[in-house]
N, C-alpha and C. Protein backbone atom coordinates (compact mmCIF):
# COMPACT_ATOMS: atom_id res chain seq x y z
N MET A 1 21.92 -11.31 1.85
CA MET A 1 22.49 -9.59 1.83
C MET A 1 21.27 -8.96 2.91
N LEU A 2 21.65 -8.15 3.61
CA LEU A 2 20.42 -7.26 3.90
C LEU A 2 19.86 -5.89 3.68
N ILE A 3 19.20 -5.96 3.77
CA ILE A 3 18.31 -4.96 3.13
C ILE A 3 18.58 -3.55 3.36
N PRO A 4 19.45 -3.14 2.42
CA PRO A 4 19.87 -1.83 3.06
C PRO A 4 18.98 -0.30 3.74
N LYS A 5 18.89 0.21 5.02
CA LYS A 5 18.00 0.97 5.11
C LYS A 5 17.91 2.39 4.64
N ARG A 6 16.73 3.48 4.91
CA ARG A 6 16.45 4.24 3.48
C ARG A 6 17.69 4.55 3.62
N CYS A 7 17.63 6.09 2.54
CA CYS A 7 18.55 7.13 2.46
C CYS A 7 17.66 7.79 3.12
N ALA A 8 19.19 9.47 3.63
CA ALA A 8 18.75 10.15 5.04
C ALA A 8 18.17 11.03 3.88
N ARG A 9 18.18 11.13 2.86
CA ARG A 9 17.71 11.71 2.06
C ARG A 9 16.78 11.68 0.91
N PHE A 10 16.12 10.40 1.97
CA PHE A 10 15.19 9.79 1.10
C PHE A 10 13.59 11.14 1.15
N ALA A 11 12.75 11.63 2.63
CA ALA A 11 12.06 12.16 2.19
C ALA A 11 12.19 13.30 1.38
N GLU A 12 12.99 14.18 0.63
CA GLU A 12 13.60 15.00 0.34
C GLU A 12 13.60 14.68 -1.43
N TYR A 13 13.81 13.38 -1.57
CA TYR A 13 13.42 12.78 -2.85
C TYR A 13 11.64 12.00 -3.35
N ARG A 14 11.51 11.78 -2.33
CA ARG A 14 10.34 11.29 -2.57
C ARG A 14 9.29 11.60 -3.36
N ASN A 15 8.95 12.78 -2.88
CA ASN A 15 7.85 12.98 -3.82
C ASN A 15 7.98 13.64 -5.53
N LYS A 16 9.27 13.59 -6.33
CA LYS A 16 9.31 13.47 -7.57
C LYS A 16 9.64 12.68 -7.68
N SER A 17 10.42 11.49 -7.53
CA SER A 17 10.37 10.14 -7.67
C SER A 17 8.68 9.64 -7.79
N LEU A 18 7.90 9.66 -6.71
CA LEU A 18 6.99 9.10 -6.55
C LEU A 18 6.42 9.40 -8.02
N GLU A 19 5.82 10.63 -8.06
CA GLU A 19 5.47 11.11 -8.90
C GLU A 19 5.88 10.71 -10.49
N LEU A 20 7.38 10.97 -10.37
CA LEU A 20 7.55 10.17 -11.99
C LEU A 20 7.73 8.69 -12.25
N PHE A 21 7.62 7.78 -10.96
CA PHE A 21 7.28 6.67 -11.49
C PHE A 21 5.84 6.07 -11.62
N ALA A 22 5.15 6.86 -11.03
CA ALA A 22 3.54 6.81 -10.75
C ALA A 22 2.79 7.29 -12.33
N SER A 23 3.95 8.20 -12.98
CA SER A 23 2.82 8.88 -13.81
C SER A 23 3.16 8.25 -14.99
N LYS A 24 4.78 7.76 -15.00
CA LYS A 24 5.25 7.15 -16.14
C LYS A 24 5.45 5.29 -16.30
N GLY A 25 5.25 4.85 -14.96
CA GLY A 25 5.52 3.33 -14.94
C GLY A 25 7.33 3.58 -14.12
N PHE A 26 7.57 2.44 -13.33
CA PHE A 26 9.47 2.50 -13.33
C PHE A 26 9.93 2.08 -14.09
N GLY A 27 9.52 1.47 -15.08
CA GLY A 27 10.41 1.03 -16.44
C GLY A 27 10.01 1.87 -17.43
N GLN A 28 9.79 2.93 -17.39
CA GLN A 28 9.99 3.64 -18.13
C GLN A 28 11.00 4.81 -18.35
N VAL A 29 11.79 5.02 -16.55
CA VAL A 29 12.08 6.30 -16.16
C VAL A 29 13.30 5.59 -16.14
N GLY A 30 14.53 5.67 -16.57
CA GLY A 30 15.52 5.94 -16.36
C GLY A 30 16.40 7.00 -15.44
N MET A 31 17.40 6.31 -14.73
CA MET A 31 18.52 6.69 -13.90
C MET A 31 18.64 7.93 -14.03
N ARG A 32 19.32 8.84 -15.41
CA ARG A 32 19.71 10.33 -15.92
C ARG A 32 17.91 11.15 -15.63
N GLU A 33 17.20 10.37 -16.07
CA GLU A 33 15.94 11.48 -15.94
C GLU A 33 15.67 11.84 -14.37
N LEU A 34 15.83 10.50 -13.81
CA LEU A 34 15.38 10.82 -12.29
C LEU A 34 15.70 11.49 -11.57
N ALA A 35 17.28 11.49 -11.95
CA ALA A 35 18.37 12.15 -11.07
C ALA A 35 18.25 13.91 -11.38
N ALA A 36 17.92 13.95 -13.10
CA ALA A 36 17.61 15.36 -13.23
C ALA A 36 16.65 15.93 -12.51
N SER A 37 15.17 14.97 -12.74
CA SER A 37 13.76 15.94 -11.95
C SER A 37 14.37 15.55 -10.31
N LEU A 38 14.89 15.29 -9.70
CA LEU A 38 15.32 15.29 -8.50
C LEU A 38 16.93 16.03 -8.30
N GLY A 39 17.24 17.21 -9.62
CA GLY A 39 17.99 18.16 -9.66
C GLY A 39 19.32 17.78 -8.91
N LEU A 40 19.83 16.71 -9.39
CA LEU A 40 20.80 15.57 -9.24
C LEU A 40 21.52 15.63 -10.52
N SER A 41 22.92 15.08 -10.89
CA SER A 41 23.42 14.33 -12.12
C SER A 41 23.37 12.91 -11.17
N ALA A 42 23.40 12.25 -12.13
CA ALA A 42 23.77 10.73 -11.95
C ALA A 42 24.02 10.01 -11.28
N GLY A 43 25.57 10.74 -11.29
CA GLY A 43 26.82 10.66 -9.87
C GLY A 43 26.37 10.75 -8.86
N SER A 44 25.62 11.91 -8.52
CA SER A 44 25.32 12.16 -7.38
C SER A 44 23.88 11.20 -6.85
N LEU A 45 22.85 11.01 -7.70
CA LEU A 45 22.07 10.33 -7.25
C LEU A 45 22.97 8.29 -6.88
N TYR A 46 23.19 8.15 -7.58
CA TYR A 46 23.86 6.86 -7.13
C TYR A 46 24.65 7.44 -5.86
N HIS A 47 25.24 7.89 -5.81
CA HIS A 47 25.95 8.01 -4.01
C HIS A 47 25.09 7.42 -3.16
N HIS A 48 23.42 8.31 -3.33
CA HIS A 48 22.57 7.47 -2.17
C HIS A 48 22.11 6.23 -2.60
N TYR A 49 21.58 6.41 -4.16
CA TYR A 49 20.88 5.26 -3.91
C TYR A 49 22.18 4.08 -5.24
N PRO A 50 21.78 2.85 -5.45
CA PRO A 50 23.00 2.47 -6.19
C PRO A 50 22.15 1.62 -7.01
N SER A 51 20.88 1.96 -7.56
CA SER A 51 20.50 1.42 -8.39
C SER A 51 18.55 2.48 -8.06
N LYS A 52 17.84 2.51 -9.57
CA LYS A 52 16.72 3.28 -9.03
C LYS A 52 15.40 2.17 -8.69
N GLN A 53 15.99 1.02 -8.77
CA GLN A 53 14.94 -0.16 -7.87
C GLN A 53 15.16 0.33 -6.18
N HIS A 54 16.13 0.60 -6.11
CA HIS A 54 16.56 0.73 -4.20
C HIS A 54 14.81 1.69 -3.77
N LEU A 55 15.11 2.79 -4.64
CA LEU A 55 14.77 3.87 -4.58
C LEU A 55 13.41 3.29 -4.54
N LEU A 56 12.55 2.41 -5.58
CA LEU A 56 11.42 2.46 -5.81
C LEU A 56 11.09 1.39 -4.37
N PHE A 57 12.08 0.53 -3.96
CA PHE A 57 11.99 -0.15 -2.79
C PHE A 57 11.65 0.33 -1.46
N ASP A 58 12.37 1.99 -1.23
CA ASP A 58 11.99 2.98 -0.43
C ASP A 58 10.63 2.81 -0.33
N LEU A 59 10.60 3.74 -1.29
CA LEU A 59 8.80 4.07 -1.37
C LEU A 59 7.54 2.73 -1.11
N ILE A 60 8.30 1.04 -1.36
CA ILE A 60 6.74 0.90 -1.25
C ILE A 60 6.89 0.26 0.33
N GLU A 61 8.22 0.34 0.37
CA GLU A 61 8.08 -0.20 2.26
C GLU A 61 7.91 1.48 2.54
N GLU A 62 8.12 2.07 2.46
CA GLU A 62 7.43 3.08 3.40
C GLU A 62 5.75 3.13 3.24
N PHE A 63 5.45 3.10 2.26
CA PHE A 63 3.78 2.24 2.04
C PHE A 63 3.13 1.42 3.08
N TYR A 64 4.04 0.27 2.79
CA TYR A 64 3.69 -0.54 3.97
C TYR A 64 4.21 -0.08 5.37
N ASP A 65 4.70 0.30 5.66
CA ASP A 65 4.66 1.13 6.92
C ASP A 65 4.15 2.01 7.40
N GLU A 66 3.56 2.44 6.53
CA GLU A 66 2.35 3.11 6.54
C GLU A 66 1.23 2.66 7.27
N LEU A 67 0.88 1.96 5.97
CA LEU A 67 -0.44 0.51 5.99
C LEU A 67 -0.25 0.15 7.38
N ILE A 68 0.64 -0.36 8.11
CA ILE A 68 0.10 -0.93 8.93
C ILE A 68 0.48 -0.41 10.69
N ALA A 69 1.27 0.95 10.52
CA ALA A 69 1.00 1.98 11.52
C ALA A 69 -0.82 2.44 11.07
N ALA A 70 -0.99 2.35 9.86
CA ALA A 70 -2.37 3.13 10.38
C ALA A 70 -3.44 1.79 11.34
N LEU A 71 -3.32 0.68 10.84
CA LEU A 71 -3.78 -0.07 11.28
C LEU A 71 -3.40 -0.39 12.67
N GLY A 72 -2.30 0.32 13.43
CA GLY A 72 -2.20 0.15 14.93
C GLY A 72 -3.28 0.97 15.47
N ARG A 73 -3.07 2.17 14.16
CA ARG A 73 -3.96 3.78 15.15
C ARG A 73 -4.92 3.11 14.97
N VAL A 74 -5.89 2.79 13.93
CA VAL A 74 -7.48 1.98 13.67
C VAL A 74 -8.09 1.18 14.85
N GLU A 75 -6.98 0.41 15.21
CA GLU A 75 -7.29 -1.05 16.10
C GLU A 75 -7.17 -0.01 17.28
N GLN A 76 -6.12 0.75 17.73
CA GLN A 76 -6.86 1.62 19.15
C GLN A 76 -8.11 1.80 19.22
N LYS A 77 -8.57 2.95 18.19
CA LYS A 77 -9.60 3.25 18.07
C LYS A 77 -11.04 2.60 18.20
N ILE A 78 -11.19 1.72 17.74
CA ILE A 78 -12.05 0.18 17.07
C ILE A 78 -12.25 -0.88 18.41
N ARG A 79 -11.40 -0.74 19.36
CA ARG A 79 -11.80 -1.85 20.55
C ARG A 79 -12.42 -2.37 20.61
N ALA A 80 -13.55 -1.13 21.21
CA ALA A 80 -14.76 -1.74 22.43
C ALA A 80 -15.51 -1.71 21.39
N LYS A 81 -15.90 -1.00 20.07
CA LYS A 81 -16.67 -1.08 19.24
C LYS A 81 -17.35 -2.29 19.00
N GLN A 82 -18.41 -2.53 18.28
CA GLN A 82 -19.32 -3.99 17.69
C GLN A 82 -19.07 -3.92 16.03
N ASN A 83 -19.06 -2.56 15.24
CA ASN A 83 -18.48 -2.53 14.12
C ASN A 83 -17.11 -2.04 13.97
N LYS A 84 -16.28 -2.38 13.57
CA LYS A 84 -14.87 -2.71 12.72
C LYS A 84 -14.50 -1.88 11.75
N LEU A 85 -15.70 -3.22 10.81
CA LEU A 85 -15.03 -2.52 9.53
C LEU A 85 -15.26 -1.08 9.46
N GLN A 86 -16.20 -0.21 9.56
CA GLN A 86 -16.48 0.71 8.53
C GLN A 86 -15.32 1.49 9.62
N PRO A 87 -14.88 1.21 10.13
CA PRO A 87 -13.27 2.52 10.62
C PRO A 87 -12.22 1.61 9.35
N LEU A 88 -12.68 0.91 9.27
CA LEU A 88 -11.08 0.17 8.56
C LEU A 88 -11.40 0.66 7.31
N ILE A 89 -12.47 0.53 6.98
CA ILE A 89 -12.74 0.86 5.36
C ILE A 89 -12.52 2.26 5.75
N GLN A 90 -12.55 3.24 6.62
CA GLN A 90 -12.52 4.77 6.12
C GLN A 90 -11.23 4.80 6.18
N MET A 91 -10.26 4.32 6.91
CA MET A 91 -8.80 4.28 6.86
C MET A 91 -8.24 3.98 6.10
N HIS A 92 -8.87 2.76 4.68
CA HIS A 92 -7.86 2.71 3.73
C HIS A 92 -8.27 4.04 2.55
N LEU A 93 -9.69 4.31 2.89
CA LEU A 93 -10.19 5.18 2.24
C LEU A 93 -9.51 6.71 2.07
N THR A 94 -9.12 7.21 3.60
CA THR A 94 -8.40 8.00 3.56
C THR A 94 -6.49 7.81 2.74
N LEU A 95 -6.41 6.75 3.04
CA LEU A 95 -4.63 6.50 3.13
C LEU A 95 -4.96 6.63 1.57
N HIS A 96 -5.84 6.37 0.83
CA HIS A 96 -5.75 5.69 -0.82
C HIS A 96 -6.03 7.64 -1.21
N HIS A 97 -6.55 8.34 -0.58
CA HIS A 97 -6.46 10.05 -1.02
C HIS A 97 -5.30 10.53 -0.67
N GLU A 98 -4.38 10.06 0.60
CA GLU A 98 -3.43 10.92 1.20
C GLU A 98 -1.85 9.58 0.29
N MET A 99 -2.22 8.67 -0.29
CA MET A 99 -0.78 8.05 -0.89
C MET A 99 -1.56 7.95 -2.17
N PRO A 100 -1.91 8.09 -2.92
CA PRO A 100 -2.50 7.08 -3.95
C PRO A 100 -1.23 6.90 -4.84
N SER A 101 -0.51 7.68 -5.11
CA SER A 101 0.99 7.55 -6.11
C SER A 101 1.21 5.84 -5.27
N HIS A 102 1.82 5.57 -3.75
CA HIS A 102 1.71 4.81 -2.97
C HIS A 102 1.20 3.39 -3.60
N PHE A 103 -0.23 3.53 -3.53
CA PHE A 103 -0.45 2.33 -3.54
C PHE A 103 -0.41 1.79 -5.12
N ARG A 104 -0.77 2.84 -6.55
CA ARG A 104 -0.35 2.81 -7.56
C ARG A 104 0.84 1.80 -7.67
N LEU A 105 1.80 2.19 -7.28
CA LEU A 105 3.59 1.61 -7.58
C LEU A 105 3.10 0.07 -6.40
N ALA A 106 3.01 -0.12 -5.43
CA ALA A 106 3.38 -1.18 -4.72
C ALA A 106 2.40 -2.02 -5.62
N GLU A 107 1.16 -2.05 -5.74
CA GLU A 107 0.92 -2.97 -7.01
C GLU A 107 1.22 -3.46 -8.18
N ARG A 108 1.47 -2.20 -8.87
CA ARG A 108 1.69 -1.90 -10.42
C ARG A 108 3.49 -2.33 -10.51
N ASP A 109 4.21 -2.20 -9.74
CA ASP A 109 5.95 -2.47 -10.50
C ASP A 109 6.54 -3.06 -8.73
N LEU A 110 5.36 -4.30 -7.81
CA LEU A 110 6.89 -4.69 -7.36
C LEU A 110 7.53 -5.21 -7.73
N GLY A 111 7.22 -6.44 -9.57
CA GLY A 111 7.52 -7.18 -9.99
C GLY A 111 9.33 -6.55 -10.72
N CYS A 112 9.46 -5.60 -10.70
CA CYS A 112 10.12 -4.58 -11.18
C CYS A 112 11.16 -4.49 -9.60
N LEU A 113 11.06 -4.93 -8.75
CA LEU A 113 12.11 -5.33 -7.60
C LEU A 113 12.64 -6.66 -7.60
N ASN A 114 13.70 -6.58 -6.71
CA ASN A 114 15.36 -7.52 -6.99
C ASN A 114 14.49 -8.54 -6.32
N GLU A 115 14.76 -9.93 -5.79
CA GLU A 115 14.04 -10.95 -5.66
C GLU A 115 14.21 -10.73 -3.80
N GLU A 116 15.04 -10.19 -3.04
CA GLU A 116 15.21 -10.15 -2.59
C GLU A 116 14.52 -8.58 -2.03
N GLN A 117 14.69 -7.79 -2.76
CA GLN A 117 13.35 -6.82 -1.99
C GLN A 117 11.62 -7.27 -1.62
N GLN A 118 11.81 -7.53 -3.06
CA GLN A 118 10.42 -8.37 -3.61
C GLN A 118 10.25 -9.57 -1.64
N GLN A 119 11.35 -10.25 -1.43
CA GLN A 119 10.84 -11.42 0.18
C GLN A 119 10.32 -10.05 0.59
N HIS A 120 10.94 -8.97 0.91
CA HIS A 120 11.16 -8.25 2.30
C HIS A 120 9.38 -7.75 2.67
N VAL A 121 8.95 -7.20 0.84
CA VAL A 121 7.59 -6.79 0.76
C VAL A 121 6.89 -8.02 1.28
N ARG A 122 6.90 -8.64 0.84
CA ARG A 122 5.79 -10.32 1.01
C ARG A 122 5.79 -10.35 2.37
N TYR A 123 7.03 -10.22 2.78
CA TYR A 123 6.57 -10.25 4.81
C TYR A 123 6.21 -8.89 5.35
N LEU A 124 6.44 -8.28 4.31
CA LEU A 124 5.85 -6.52 5.12
C LEU A 124 4.13 -6.66 4.81
N ARG A 125 3.62 -7.12 3.89
CA ARG A 125 2.34 -7.50 3.35
C ARG A 125 1.36 -8.47 4.30
N GLU A 126 2.39 -9.83 4.39
CA GLU A 126 1.51 -10.81 5.55
C GLU A 126 1.71 -9.97 6.96
N GLN A 127 2.60 -9.04 7.54
CA GLN A 127 2.38 -8.67 8.58
C GLN A 127 1.11 -7.75 8.66
N TYR A 128 0.66 -7.17 7.42
CA TYR A 128 -0.24 -6.36 7.00
C TYR A 128 -1.53 -7.12 7.23
N GLU A 129 -1.46 -8.77 6.54
CA GLU A 129 -2.77 -9.17 6.53
C GLU A 129 -3.26 -9.97 7.71
N ARG A 130 -1.70 -10.25 8.56
CA ARG A 130 -2.36 -10.82 9.61
C ARG A 130 -2.32 -9.74 10.93
N ARG A 131 -1.86 -8.64 10.96
CA ARG A 131 -2.98 -7.51 11.79
C ARG A 131 -4.10 -7.53 11.08
N LEU A 132 -4.31 -6.74 9.91
CA LEU A 132 -5.99 -7.48 9.62
C LEU A 132 -6.68 -8.30 9.98
N LEU A 133 -6.21 -9.51 9.88
CA LEU A 133 -7.22 -10.29 10.41
C LEU A 133 -7.73 -10.52 12.14
N LEU A 134 -6.63 -9.60 12.47
CA LEU A 134 -6.77 -9.77 14.15
C LEU A 134 -7.83 -8.84 14.56
N ILE A 135 -7.87 -7.80 13.57
CA ILE A 135 -8.85 -6.78 13.91
C ILE A 135 -10.25 -7.40 13.59
N LEU A 136 -10.38 -8.09 12.02
CA LEU A 136 -11.69 -8.53 11.84
C LEU A 136 -11.77 -9.59 12.66
N GLY A 137 -10.89 -10.60 12.88
CA GLY A 137 -11.42 -11.91 13.62
C GLY A 137 -11.33 -12.89 12.80
N SER A 138 -11.27 -13.74 13.21
CA SER A 138 -11.24 -14.93 12.11
C SER A 138 -12.59 -16.18 12.04
N PRO A 139 -13.00 -16.29 10.53
CA PRO A 139 -14.59 -16.54 10.58
C PRO A 139 -14.50 -17.60 11.58
N ALA A 140 -15.36 -18.40 11.67
CA ALA A 140 -15.75 -19.10 12.84
C ALA A 140 -16.08 -20.53 11.80
N GLY A 141 -14.76 -21.71 12.32
CA GLY A 141 -15.08 -22.91 11.61
C GLY A 141 -14.19 -22.80 9.94
N LEU A 142 -12.98 -21.87 9.86
CA LEU A 142 -12.36 -21.61 9.07
C LEU A 142 -11.04 -22.16 9.55
N SER A 143 -10.23 -22.97 8.91
CA SER A 143 -8.63 -23.13 8.89
C SER A 143 -7.99 -22.12 8.60
N GLU A 144 -6.73 -21.75 9.40
CA GLU A 144 -6.26 -20.81 9.57
C GLU A 144 -5.62 -20.35 8.24
N SER A 145 -5.58 -21.28 7.22
CA SER A 145 -5.06 -20.90 5.74
C SER A 145 -6.37 -20.58 4.90
N ARG A 146 -7.59 -20.76 5.04
CA ARG A 146 -8.02 -20.22 4.65
C ARG A 146 -8.46 -18.92 4.82
N SER A 147 -8.84 -18.59 7.09
CA SER A 147 -8.70 -17.42 7.04
C SER A 147 -7.53 -16.23 6.32
N LEU A 148 -6.35 -16.89 6.22
CA LEU A 148 -5.20 -15.69 5.96
C LEU A 148 -5.77 -15.39 4.54
N ALA A 149 -6.43 -16.88 3.32
CA ALA A 149 -6.94 -16.09 2.05
C ALA A 149 -7.96 -15.36 2.24
N ALA A 150 -9.18 -15.51 3.49
CA ALA A 150 -9.87 -15.01 2.67
C ALA A 150 -9.45 -12.89 2.84
N VAL A 151 -8.39 -13.40 4.11
CA VAL A 151 -8.12 -11.72 4.48
C VAL A 151 -6.89 -11.20 3.96
N GLY A 152 -6.51 -12.09 3.02
CA GLY A 152 -5.74 -11.45 1.29
C GLY A 152 -6.53 -11.00 0.25
N VAL A 153 -7.52 -11.49 0.24
CA VAL A 153 -8.63 -11.14 -0.59
C VAL A 153 -9.25 -9.79 0.34
N ILE A 154 -9.58 -9.58 1.20
CA ILE A 154 -10.43 -8.26 1.62
C ILE A 154 -8.99 -7.66 1.18
N ALA A 155 -7.66 -8.13 1.89
CA ALA A 155 -6.57 -6.41 1.79
C ALA A 155 -6.87 -6.58 0.56
N ASN A 156 -6.53 -7.06 -0.40
CA ASN A 156 -6.83 -6.95 -2.41
C ASN A 156 -8.02 -5.55 -2.02
N LEU A 157 -8.88 -5.58 -1.78
CA LEU A 157 -9.86 -5.42 -1.97
C LEU A 157 -10.07 -3.75 -1.34
N LEU A 158 -9.26 -3.74 -0.04
CA LEU A 158 -9.85 -2.70 0.86
C LEU A 158 -8.36 -1.87 0.20
N LYS A 159 -7.32 -2.18 -1.18
CA LYS A 159 -6.43 -1.61 -1.27
C LYS A 159 -6.70 -0.69 -2.79
N SER A 160 -7.26 -2.01 -3.41
CA SER A 160 -7.36 -1.53 -4.43
C SER A 160 -9.08 -0.56 -5.21
N ALA A 161 -9.57 -1.33 -4.27
CA ALA A 161 -11.56 -0.32 -4.23
C ALA A 161 -10.97 1.27 -5.11
N PRO A 162 -10.19 2.10 -4.37
CA PRO A 162 -10.82 3.48 -4.18
C PRO A 162 -10.00 4.19 -6.11
N SER A 163 -9.42 3.05 -6.43
CA SER A 163 -9.66 3.15 -8.28
C SER A 163 -10.79 2.88 -8.69
N TRP A 164 -11.21 1.81 -8.14
CA TRP A 164 -12.69 1.46 -9.37
C TRP A 164 -13.63 2.19 -9.73
N LEU A 165 -13.42 3.74 -9.14
CA LEU A 165 -14.73 4.94 -9.28
C LEU A 165 -13.38 5.94 -10.12
N VAL A 166 -12.69 6.16 -10.03
CA VAL A 166 -12.32 7.55 -10.70
C VAL A 166 -12.29 7.87 -11.48
N HIS A 167 -13.51 7.16 -12.68
CA HIS A 167 -13.78 7.84 -14.11
C HIS A 167 -15.12 7.80 -14.27
N TYR A 168 -15.63 8.29 -13.35
CA TYR A 168 -17.27 8.35 -12.69
C TYR A 168 -17.09 9.93 -12.06
N ASP A 169 -18.07 10.60 -12.35
CA ASP A 169 -18.56 11.82 -12.42
C ASP A 169 -19.26 11.55 -10.94
N LEU A 170 -18.42 11.25 -9.16
CA LEU A 170 -18.35 10.84 -8.12
C LEU A 170 -17.77 11.95 -7.75
N ASN A 171 -18.49 13.18 -6.89
CA ASN A 171 -17.73 13.60 -5.85
C ASN A 171 -17.22 12.74 -4.91
N GLU A 172 -16.31 13.30 -4.20
CA GLU A 172 -15.71 12.57 -3.04
C GLU A 172 -16.32 11.55 -2.12
N GLN A 173 -17.37 12.21 -1.59
CA GLN A 173 -18.06 11.87 -0.83
C GLN A 173 -19.03 10.76 -1.14
N GLU A 174 -19.46 11.25 -2.57
CA GLU A 174 -20.39 9.82 -3.51
C GLU A 174 -19.75 8.63 -3.27
N ARG A 175 -18.01 9.15 -3.85
CA ARG A 175 -17.12 7.49 -4.36
C ARG A 175 -16.97 6.81 -2.46
N ASP A 176 -16.78 7.68 -1.99
CA ASP A 176 -16.75 6.76 -0.29
C ASP A 176 -17.97 6.23 0.02
N GLU A 177 -18.88 6.81 -0.12
CA GLU A 177 -20.18 5.87 0.33
C GLU A 177 -20.13 4.79 -0.50
N LEU A 178 -19.84 5.04 -1.38
CA LEU A 178 -20.63 3.48 -2.64
C LEU A 178 -19.67 2.86 -2.86
N LEU A 179 -18.24 3.15 -2.40
CA LEU A 179 -17.14 2.01 -2.14
C LEU A 179 -17.45 1.30 -0.28
N GLN A 180 -17.56 2.04 0.33
CA GLN A 180 -17.50 1.62 1.38
C GLN A 180 -18.83 0.81 1.66
N SER A 181 -19.96 1.04 0.70
CA SER A 181 -21.25 0.24 0.93
C SER A 181 -20.46 -1.24 0.24
N PHE A 182 -20.03 -0.56 -1.09
CA PHE A 182 -19.08 -1.86 -1.67
C PHE A 182 -18.57 -3.11 -0.90
N LEU A 183 -17.36 -2.13 -0.43
CA LEU A 183 -16.36 -3.21 0.43
C LEU A 183 -17.17 -3.70 1.43
N ALA A 184 -18.12 -3.08 2.29
CA ALA A 184 -19.01 -4.08 3.85
C ALA A 184 -19.44 -5.06 3.36
N GLY A 185 -19.56 -5.11 1.79
CA GLY A 185 -20.81 -6.44 1.70
C GLY A 185 -19.67 -7.45 1.15
N ALA A 186 -18.86 -6.81 0.47
CA ALA A 186 -17.80 -7.78 0.35
C ALA A 186 -17.46 -8.30 1.51
N VAL A 187 -16.86 -7.53 2.43
CA VAL A 187 -16.30 -8.42 3.40
C VAL A 187 -17.11 -9.06 3.87
N SER A 188 -18.28 -8.76 4.21
CA SER A 188 -19.07 -9.36 5.65
C SER A 188 -19.28 -10.96 4.90
N GLN A 189 -19.33 -11.05 3.40
CA GLN A 189 -19.44 -11.98 2.53
C GLN A 189 -18.34 -12.91 2.92
N LEU A 190 -16.91 -12.78 2.65
CA LEU A 190 -16.14 -13.16 2.80
C LEU A 190 -16.39 -13.41 4.48
N GLN A 191 -16.29 -12.66 5.21
CA GLN A 191 -16.12 -13.12 6.79
C GLN A 191 -16.60 -14.10 6.80
N ALA A 192 -18.05 -14.28 6.61
CA ALA A 192 -18.89 -15.58 6.58
C ALA A 192 -18.56 -16.89 5.86
N GLY A 193 -17.23 -16.62 4.99
CA GLY A 193 -16.74 -18.40 4.37
C GLY A 193 -17.17 -19.05 4.12
């Protein structure tokens, strides 16, 4: 079965459904509650989405599409720069500020998707990680599988780091500087092999 294209009214439904899923958790939101929050009847929502899984899939797919596109924009900017890590970290921090609920859903609720949807998300994640590896470069002497494993860890650090400091009384600049320092050290260590 092919993954269906995103609903034409997805942009209209995105923010409210994203907020609801992120605050309550995907499993705690019923189709009727979701429809009501979108100003639709359950029947109307079923017309656009056969299940709430399909809407969650669209949100997670949108997240990876934006993550991959952002990597492409960073790659264009840093081709000639020696230090590629700082702009890459800053891009992830900026994207996390812009799409915090997407990050949460992509990590927390991925298991709520059906197997075909999860497989597609795994494919998108692999595309993201391979592009990340191209930008960072493979550490000398590491096998391809070990390089991919290292970049997988780096990707997880980049995606999860902003949530590490949310409970501390820091302004945005202090939080970003601290995260950049942590991430730069961790990524450098992982790249060293």
